[in-house]
Amino acid sequence: MSDTTDYLEMSFHSINCFADDGKLDVDELNKIVDIALRDGVVDEDEKRVLRNIIGRLNRDELQGELSDRVDQLRMEFSI
């Protein structure tokens, strides 16, 4: 059973990441994904949060390793 508050923790963590330097790096994204995965299920609320986070990334940020990770998440979780 998924923890219904994980998506809130994910959102809070992403706000802190973006507030830090205005950007999200692959390690920060992975920490957010880890929150979603810790109960073994990525539910619809968690997918929504991931979509919103990915949607905030600009073209300049979506390069290299981060771009690859975003593509992987899109395929893995249909987001």
PDB file of N, CA and C in Angstrom:
ATOM      1  N   MET A   1       0.839  -1.181   0.000  1.00  0.00           N
ATOM      2  CA  MET A   1       0.000   0.000   0.000  1.00  0.00           C
ATOM      3  C   MET A   1       0.883   1.242   0.000  1.00  0.00           C
ATOM      4  N   SER A   2       0.522   2.216  -0.827  1.00  0.00           N
ATOM      5  CA  SER A   2       1.352   3.411  -0.916  1.00  0.00           C
ATOM      6  C   SER A   2       1.043   4.377   0.223  1.00  0.00           C
ATOM      7  N   ASP A   3       2.055   5.142   0.598  1.00  0.00           N
ATOM      8  CA  ASP A   3       1.903   6.170   1.620  1.00  0.00           C
ATOM      9  C   ASP A   3       1.297   7.390   0.951  1.00  0.00           C
ATOM     10  N   THR A   4       0.147   7.813   1.400  1.00  0.00           N
ATOM     11  CA  THR A   4      -0.591   8.881   0.725  1.00  0.00           C
ATOM     12  C   THR A   4       0.044  10.258   0.893  1.00  0.00           C
ATOM     13  N   THR A   5       1.071  10.354   1.717  1.00  0.00           N
ATOM     14  CA  THR A   5       1.718  11.656   1.893  1.00  0.00           C
ATOM     15  C   THR A   5       3.052  11.766   1.156  1.00  0.00           C
ATOM     16  N   ASP A   6       3.494  10.711   0.517  1.00  0.00           N
ATOM     17  CA  ASP A   6       4.768  10.762  -0.197  1.00  0.00           C
ATOM     18  C   ASP A   6       4.780  11.871  -1.244  1.00  0.00           C
ATOM     19  N   TYR A   7       3.680  12.069  -1.939  1.00  0.00           N
ATOM     20  CA  TYR A   7       3.649  13.093  -2.977  1.00  0.00           C
ATOM     21  C   TYR A   7       3.834  14.490  -2.380  1.00  0.00           C
ATOM     22  N   LEU A   8       3.378  14.693  -1.157  1.00  0.00           N
ATOM     23  CA  LEU A   8       3.585  15.980  -0.495  1.00  0.00           C
ATOM     24  C   LEU A   8       5.058  16.182  -0.165  1.00  0.00           C
ATOM     25  N   GLU A   9       5.689  15.124   0.307  1.00  0.00           N
ATOM     26  CA  GLU A   9       7.122  15.191   0.604  1.00  0.00           C
ATOM     27  C   GLU A   9       7.925  15.437  -0.677  1.00  0.00           C
ATOM     28  N   MET A  10       7.514  14.786  -1.764  1.00  0.00           N
ATOM     29  CA  MET A  10       8.169  14.991  -3.054  1.00  0.00           C
ATOM     30  C   MET A  10       8.057  16.452  -3.482  1.00  0.00           C
ATOM     31  N   SER A  11       6.865  17.011  -3.353  1.00  0.00           N
ATOM     32  CA  SER A  11       6.630  18.410  -3.729  1.00  0.00           C
ATOM     33  C   SER A  11       7.485  19.351  -2.891  1.00  0.00           C
ATOM     34  N   PHE A  12       7.499  19.129  -1.596  1.00  0.00           N
ATOM     35  CA  PHE A  12       8.280  19.962  -0.692  1.00  0.00           C
ATOM     36  C   PHE A  12       9.764  19.883  -1.041  1.00  0.00           C
ATOM     37  N   HIS A  13      10.243  18.674  -1.284  1.00  0.00           N
ATOM     38  CA  HIS A  13      11.650  18.489  -1.627  1.00  0.00           C
ATOM     39  C   HIS A  13      11.994  19.201  -2.937  1.00  0.00           C
ATOM     40  N   SER A  14      11.099  19.119  -3.908  1.00  0.00           N
ATOM     41  CA  SER A  14      11.371  19.779  -5.198  1.00  0.00           C
ATOM     42  C   SER A  14      11.411  21.296  -5.039  1.00  0.00           C
ATOM     43  N   ILE A  15      10.543  21.848  -4.215  1.00  0.00           N
ATOM     44  CA  ILE A  15      10.546  23.290  -3.960  1.00  0.00           C
ATOM     45  C   ILE A  15      11.898  23.713  -3.382  1.00  0.00           C
ATOM     46  N   ASN A  16      12.398  22.929  -2.442  1.00  0.00           N
ATOM     47  CA  ASN A  16      13.704  23.237  -1.852  1.00  0.00           C
ATOM     48  C   ASN A  16      14.818  23.149  -2.885  1.00  0.00           C
ATOM     49  N   CYS A  17      14.744  22.159  -3.768  1.00  0.00           N
ATOM     50  CA  CYS A  17      15.769  21.991  -4.806  1.00  0.00           C
ATOM     51  C   CYS A  17      15.770  23.175  -5.761  1.00  0.00           C
ATOM     52  N   PHE A  18      14.598  23.569  -6.238  1.00  0.00           N
ATOM     53  CA  PHE A  18      14.514  24.698  -7.160  1.00  0.00           C
ATOM     54  C   PHE A  18      14.881  26.009  -6.462  1.00  0.00           C
ATOM     55  N   ALA A  19      14.520  26.147  -5.195  1.00  0.00           N
ATOM     56  CA  ALA A  19      14.808  27.375  -4.465  1.00  0.00           C
ATOM     57  C   ALA A  19      16.301  27.535  -4.197  1.00  0.00           C
ATOM     58  N   ASP A  20      16.988  26.431  -4.089  1.00  0.00           N
ATOM     59  CA  ASP A  20      18.421  26.452  -3.787  1.00  0.00           C
ATOM     60  C   ASP A  20      19.207  27.224  -4.836  1.00  0.00           C
ATOM     61  N   ASP A  21      19.078  26.825  -6.103  1.00  0.00           N
ATOM     62  CA  ASP A  21      19.823  27.499  -7.172  1.00  0.00           C
ATOM     63  C   ASP A  21      18.983  27.728  -8.426  1.00  0.00           C
ATOM     64  N   GLY A  22      17.686  27.482  -8.320  1.00  0.00           N
ATOM     65  CA  GLY A  22      16.789  27.697  -9.451  1.00  0.00           C
ATOM     66  C   GLY A  22      16.779  26.570 -10.456  1.00  0.00           C
ATOM     67  N   LYS A  23      17.550  25.528 -10.165  1.00  0.00           N
ATOM     68  CA  LYS A  23      17.663  24.414 -11.097  1.00  0.00           C
ATOM     69  C   LYS A  23      17.513  23.096 -10.359  1.00  0.00           C
ATOM     70  N   LEU A  24      17.318  22.056 -11.138  1.00  0.00           N
ATOM     71  CA  LEU A  24      17.230  20.702 -10.603  1.00  0.00           C
ATOM     72  C   LEU A  24      18.286  19.874 -11.306  1.00  0.00           C
ATOM     73  N   ASP A  25      19.091  19.170 -10.526  1.00  0.00           N
ATOM     74  CA  ASP A  25      20.075  18.298 -11.156  1.00  0.00           C
ATOM     75  C   ASP A  25      19.630  16.841 -11.013  1.00  0.00           C
ATOM     76  N   VAL A  26      20.350  15.955 -11.645  1.00  0.00           N
ATOM     77  CA  VAL A  26      19.937  14.555 -11.680  1.00  0.00           C
ATOM     78  C   VAL A  26      19.939  13.924 -10.287  1.00  0.00           C
ATOM     79  N   ASP A  27      20.874  14.307  -9.435  1.00  0.00           N
ATOM     80  CA  ASP A  27      20.893  13.756  -8.075  1.00  0.00           C
ATOM     81  C   ASP A  27      19.666  14.193  -7.283  1.00  0.00           C
ATOM     82  N   GLU A  28      19.278  15.451  -7.449  1.00  0.00           N
ATOM     83  CA  GLU A  28      18.080  15.942  -6.760  1.00  0.00           C
ATOM     84  C   GLU A  28      16.833  15.230  -7.288  1.00  0.00           C
ATOM     85  N   LEU A  29      16.767  15.060  -8.598  1.00  0.00           N
ATOM     86  CA  LEU A  29      15.633  14.345  -9.175  1.00  0.00           C
ATOM     87  C   LEU A  29      15.580  12.916  -8.660  1.00  0.00           C
ATOM     88  N   ASN A  30      16.717  12.263  -8.583  1.00  0.00           N
ATOM     89  CA  ASN A  30      16.752  10.890  -8.085  1.00  0.00           C
ATOM     90  C   ASN A  30      16.291  10.790  -6.638  1.00  0.00           C
ATOM     91  N   LYS A  31      16.613  11.786  -5.815  1.00  0.00           N
ATOM     92  CA  LYS A  31      16.143  11.786  -4.424  1.00  0.00           C
ATOM     93  C   LYS A  31      14.622  11.905  -4.375  1.00  0.00           C
ATOM     94  N   ILE A  32      14.063  12.697  -5.265  1.00  0.00           N
ATOM     95  CA  ILE A  32      12.603  12.840  -5.327  1.00  0.00           C
ATOM     96  C   ILE A  32      11.972  11.527  -5.783  1.00  0.00           C
ATOM     97  N   VAL A  33      12.565  10.900  -6.773  1.00  0.00           N
ATOM     98  CA  VAL A  33      12.060   9.611  -7.260  1.00  0.00           C
ATOM     99  C   VAL A  33      12.167   8.560  -6.161  1.00  0.00           C
ATOM    100  N   ASP A  34      13.254   8.592  -5.401  1.00  0.00           N
ATOM    101  CA  ASP A  34      13.417   7.643  -4.293  1.00  0.00           C
ATOM    102  C   ASP A  34      12.277   7.745  -3.285  1.00  0.00           C
ATOM    103  N   ILE A  35      11.798   8.950  -3.039  1.00  0.00           N
ATOM    104  CA  ILE A  35      10.661   9.129  -2.127  1.00  0.00           C
ATOM    105  C   ILE A  35       9.447   8.383  -2.680  1.00  0.00           C
ATOM    106  N   ALA A  36       9.211   8.519  -3.982  1.00  0.00           N
ATOM    107  CA  ALA A  36       8.071   7.843  -4.608  1.00  0.00           C
ATOM    108  C   ALA A  36       8.226   6.328  -4.562  1.00  0.00           C
ATOM    109  N   LEU A  37       9.446   5.861  -4.687  1.00  0.00           N
ATOM    110  CA  LEU A  37       9.693   4.415  -4.785  1.00  0.00           C
ATOM    111  C   LEU A  37       9.832   3.702  -3.443  1.00  0.00           C
ATOM    112  N   ARG A  38       9.961   4.431  -2.369  1.00  0.00           N
ATOM    113  CA  ARG A  38      10.282   3.762  -1.107  1.00  0.00           C
ATOM    114  C   ARG A  38       9.196   2.796  -0.638  1.00  0.00           C
ATOM    115  N   ASP A  39       7.958   2.975  -1.059  1.00  0.00           N
ATOM    116  CA  ASP A  39       6.901   2.024  -0.697  1.00  0.00           C
ATOM    117  C   ASP A  39       6.654   1.003  -1.805  1.00  0.00           C
ATOM    118  N   GLY A  40       7.453   1.089  -2.882  1.00  0.00           N
ATOM    119  CA  GLY A  40       7.351   0.109  -3.956  1.00  0.00           C
ATOM    120  C   GLY A  40       6.307   0.411  -5.010  1.00  0.00           C
ATOM    121  N   VAL A  41       5.543   1.491  -4.833  1.00  0.00           N
ATOM    122  CA  VAL A  41       4.472   1.843  -5.769  1.00  0.00           C
ATOM    123  C   VAL A  41       4.567   3.333  -6.085  1.00  0.00           C
ATOM    124  N   VAL A  42       4.519   3.667  -7.364  1.00  0.00           N
ATOM    125  CA  VAL A  42       4.438   5.072  -7.765  1.00  0.00           C
ATOM    126  C   VAL A  42       2.986   5.311  -8.149  1.00  0.00           C
ATOM    127  N   ASP A  43       2.251   5.971  -7.243  1.00  0.00           N
ATOM    128  CA  ASP A  43       0.816   6.154  -7.468  1.00  0.00           C
ATOM    129  C   ASP A  43       0.561   7.376  -8.351  1.00  0.00           C
ATOM    130  N   GLU A  44      -0.690   7.629  -8.643  1.00  0.00           N
ATOM    131  CA  GLU A  44      -1.055   8.715  -9.559  1.00  0.00           C
ATOM    132  C   GLU A  44      -0.669  10.088  -9.028  1.00  0.00           C
ATOM    133  N   ASP A  45      -0.788  10.301  -7.722  1.00  0.00           N
ATOM    134  CA  ASP A  45      -0.374  11.587  -7.148  1.00  0.00           C
ATOM    135  C   ASP A  45       1.130  11.788  -7.317  1.00  0.00           C
ATOM    136  N   GLU A  46       1.903  10.743  -7.099  1.00  0.00           N
ATOM    137  CA  GLU A  46       3.351  10.837  -7.260  1.00  0.00           C
ATOM    138  C   GLU A  46       3.722  11.062  -8.725  1.00  0.00           C
ATOM    139  N   LYS A  47       3.026  10.415  -9.626  1.00  0.00           N
ATOM    140  CA  LYS A  47       3.255  10.635 -11.064  1.00  0.00           C
ATOM    141  C   LYS A  47       2.935  12.079 -11.440  1.00  0.00           C
ATOM    142  N   ARG A  48       1.861  12.606 -10.891  1.00  0.00           N
ATOM    143  CA  ARG A  48       1.483  13.992 -11.161  1.00  0.00           C
ATOM    144  C   ARG A  48       2.574  14.944 -10.701  1.00  0.00           C
ATOM    145  N   VAL A  49       3.114  14.702  -9.511  1.00  0.00           N
ATOM    146  CA  VAL A  49       4.186  15.543  -8.995  1.00  0.00           C
ATOM    147  C   VAL A  49       5.412  15.434  -9.899  1.00  0.00           C
ATOM    148  N   LEU A  50       5.757  14.228 -10.316  1.00  0.00           N
ATOM    149  CA  LEU A  50       6.902  14.057 -11.214  1.00  0.00           C
ATOM    150  C   LEU A  50       6.681  14.789 -12.535  1.00  0.00           C
ATOM    151  N   ARG A  51       5.475  14.687 -13.088  1.00  0.00           N
ATOM    152  CA  ARG A  51       5.156  15.414 -14.335  1.00  0.00           C
ATOM    153  C   ARG A  51       5.338  16.915 -14.146  1.00  0.00           C
ATOM    154  N   ASN A  52       4.852  17.430 -13.021  1.00  0.00           N
ATOM    155  CA  ASN A  52       4.964  18.865 -12.747  1.00  0.00           C
ATOM    156  C   ASN A  52       6.423  19.293 -12.597  1.00  0.00           C
ATOM    157  N   ILE A  53       7.202  18.488 -11.925  1.00  0.00           N
ATOM    158  CA  ILE A  53       8.617  18.804 -11.749  1.00  0.00           C
ATOM    159  C   ILE A  53       9.321  18.808 -13.096  1.00  0.00           C
ATOM    160  N   ILE A  54       9.094  17.777 -13.871  1.00  0.00           N
ATOM    161  CA  ILE A  54       9.724  17.678 -15.191  1.00  0.00           C
ATOM    162  C   ILE A  54       9.268  18.832 -16.080  1.00  0.00           C
ATOM    163  N   GLY A  55       8.016  19.219 -15.952  1.00  0.00           N
ATOM    164  CA  GLY A  55       7.486  20.319 -16.738  1.00  0.00           C
ATOM    165  C   GLY A  55       8.118  21.658 -16.419  1.00  0.00           C
ATOM    166  N   ARG A  56       8.698  21.779 -15.249  1.00  0.00           N
ATOM    167  CA  ARG A  56       9.358  23.030 -14.844  1.00  0.00           C
ATOM    168  C   ARG A  56      10.777  23.148 -15.390  1.00  0.00           C
ATOM    169  N   LEU A  57      11.315  22.051 -15.890  1.00  0.00           N
ATOM    170  CA  LEU A  57      12.687  22.073 -16.407  1.00  0.00           C
ATOM    171  C   LEU A  57      12.711  22.771 -17.757  1.00  0.00           C
ATOM    172  N   ASN A  58      13.696  23.621 -17.943  1.00  0.00           N
ATOM    173  CA  ASN A  58      13.798  24.299 -19.230  1.00  0.00           C
ATOM    174  C   ASN A  58      14.745  23.541 -20.161  1.00  0.00           C
ATOM    175  N   ARG A  59      14.730  23.942 -21.387  1.00  0.00           N
ATOM    176  CA  ARG A  59      15.512  23.265 -22.427  1.00  0.00           C
ATOM    177  C   ARG A  59      17.007  23.201 -22.086  1.00  0.00           C
ATOM    178  N   ASP A  60      17.525  24.270 -21.494  1.00  0.00           N
ATOM    179  CA  ASP A  60      18.945  24.302 -21.136  1.00  0.00           C
ATOM    180  C   ASP A  60      19.288  23.286 -20.054  1.00  0.00           C
ATOM    181  N   GLU A  61      18.345  23.056 -19.134  1.00  0.00           N
ATOM    182  CA  GLU A  61      18.579  22.083 -18.056  1.00  0.00           C
ATOM    183  C   GLU A  61      18.499  20.644 -18.559  1.00  0.00           C
ATOM    184  N   LEU A  62      17.652  20.426 -19.545  1.00  0.00           N
ATOM    185  CA  LEU A  62      17.426  19.066 -20.038  1.00  0.00           C
ATOM    186  C   LEU A  62      18.528  18.653 -21.012  1.00  0.00           C
ATOM    187  N   GLN A  63      19.694  18.451 -20.452  1.00  0.00           N
ATOM    188  CA  GLN A  63      20.863  18.055 -21.221  1.00  0.00           C
ATOM    189  C   GLN A  63      21.492  16.832 -20.552  1.00  0.00           C
ATOM    190  N   GLY A  64      22.170  16.045 -21.321  1.00  0.00           N
ATOM    191  CA  GLY A  64      22.993  14.962 -20.799  1.00  0.00           C
ATOM    192  C   GLY A  64      22.271  13.994 -19.888  1.00  0.00           C
ATOM    193  N   GLU A  65      22.877  13.789 -18.716  1.00  0.00           N
ATOM    194  CA  GLU A  65      22.395  12.802 -17.760  1.00  0.00           C
ATOM    195  C   GLU A  65      20.976  13.097 -17.274  1.00  0.00           C
ATOM    196  N   LEU A  66      20.664  14.372 -17.048  1.00  0.00           N
ATOM    197  CA  LEU A  66      19.315  14.724 -16.592  1.00  0.00           C
ATOM    198  C   LEU A  66      18.286  14.408 -17.672  1.00  0.00           C
ATOM    199  N   SER A  67      18.600  14.714 -18.896  1.00  0.00           N
ATOM    200  CA  SER A  67      17.694  14.407 -20.009  1.00  0.00           C
ATOM    201  C   SER A  67      17.463  12.909 -20.121  1.00  0.00           C
ATOM    202  N   ASP A  68      18.531  12.145 -20.001  1.00  0.00           N
ATOM    203  CA  ASP A  68      18.418  10.681 -20.066  1.00  0.00           C
ATOM    204  C   ASP A  68      17.540  10.146 -18.942  1.00  0.00           C
ATOM    205  N   ARG A  69      17.717  10.689 -17.735  1.00  0.00           N
ATOM    206  CA  ARG A  69      16.932  10.235 -16.582  1.00  0.00           C
ATOM    207  C   ARG A  69      15.458  10.590 -16.752  1.00  0.00           C
ATOM    208  N   VAL A  70      15.177  11.780 -17.255  1.00  0.00           N
ATOM    209  CA  VAL A  70      13.795  12.197 -17.493  1.00  0.00           C
ATOM    210  C   VAL A  70      13.149  11.273 -18.521  1.00  0.00           C
ATOM    211  N   ASP A  71      13.860  10.969 -19.592  1.00  0.00           N
ATOM    212  CA  ASP A  71      13.333  10.042 -20.599  1.00  0.00           C
ATOM    213  C   ASP A  71      13.041   8.681 -19.994  1.00  0.00           C
ATOM    214  N   GLN A  72      13.939   8.208 -19.145  1.00  0.00           N
ATOM    215  CA  GLN A  72      13.749   6.913 -18.482  1.00  0.00           C
ATOM    216  C   GLN A  72      12.500   6.942 -17.593  1.00  0.00           C
ATOM    217  N   LEU A  73      12.324   8.006 -16.836  1.00  0.00           N
ATOM    218  CA  LEU A  73      11.157   8.123 -15.951  1.00  0.00           C
ATOM    219  C   LEU A  73       9.862   8.191 -16.761  1.00  0.00           C
ATOM    220  N   ARG A  74       9.881   8.908 -17.868  1.00  0.00           N
ATOM    221  CA  ARG A  74       8.698   9.006 -18.712  1.00  0.00           C
ATOM    222  C   ARG A  74       8.286   7.632 -19.214  1.00  0.00           C
ATOM    223  N   MET A  75       9.260   6.848 -19.629  1.00  0.00           N
ATOM    224  CA  MET A  75       8.954   5.506 -20.138  1.00  0.00           C
ATOM    225  C   MET A  75       8.521   4.564 -19.008  1.00  0.00           C
ATOM    226  N   GLU A  76       9.249   4.586 -17.916  1.00  0.00           N
ATOM    227  CA  GLU A  76       9.016   3.664 -16.797  1.00  0.00           C
ATOM    228  C   GLU A  76       7.671   3.887 -16.123  1.00  0.00           C
ATOM    229  N   PHE A  77       7.284   5.155 -15.968  1.00  0.00           N
ATOM    230  CA  PHE A  77       6.078   5.473 -15.215  1.00  0.00           C
ATOM    231  C   PHE A  77       4.966   6.078 -16.066  1.00  0.00           C
ATOM    232  N   SER A  78       5.171   6.115 -17.376  1.00  0.00           N
ATOM    233  CA  SER A  78       4.164   6.672 -18.293  1.00  0.00           C
ATOM    234  C   SER A  78       3.750   8.075 -17.872  1.00  0.00           C
ATOM    235  N   ILE A  79       4.737   8.919 -17.684  1.00  0.00           N
ATOM    236  CA  ILE A  79       4.447  10.303 -17.270  1.00  0.00           C
ATOM    237  C   ILE A  79       4.821  11.270 -18.378  1.00  0.00           C
TER     238      ILE A  79
END
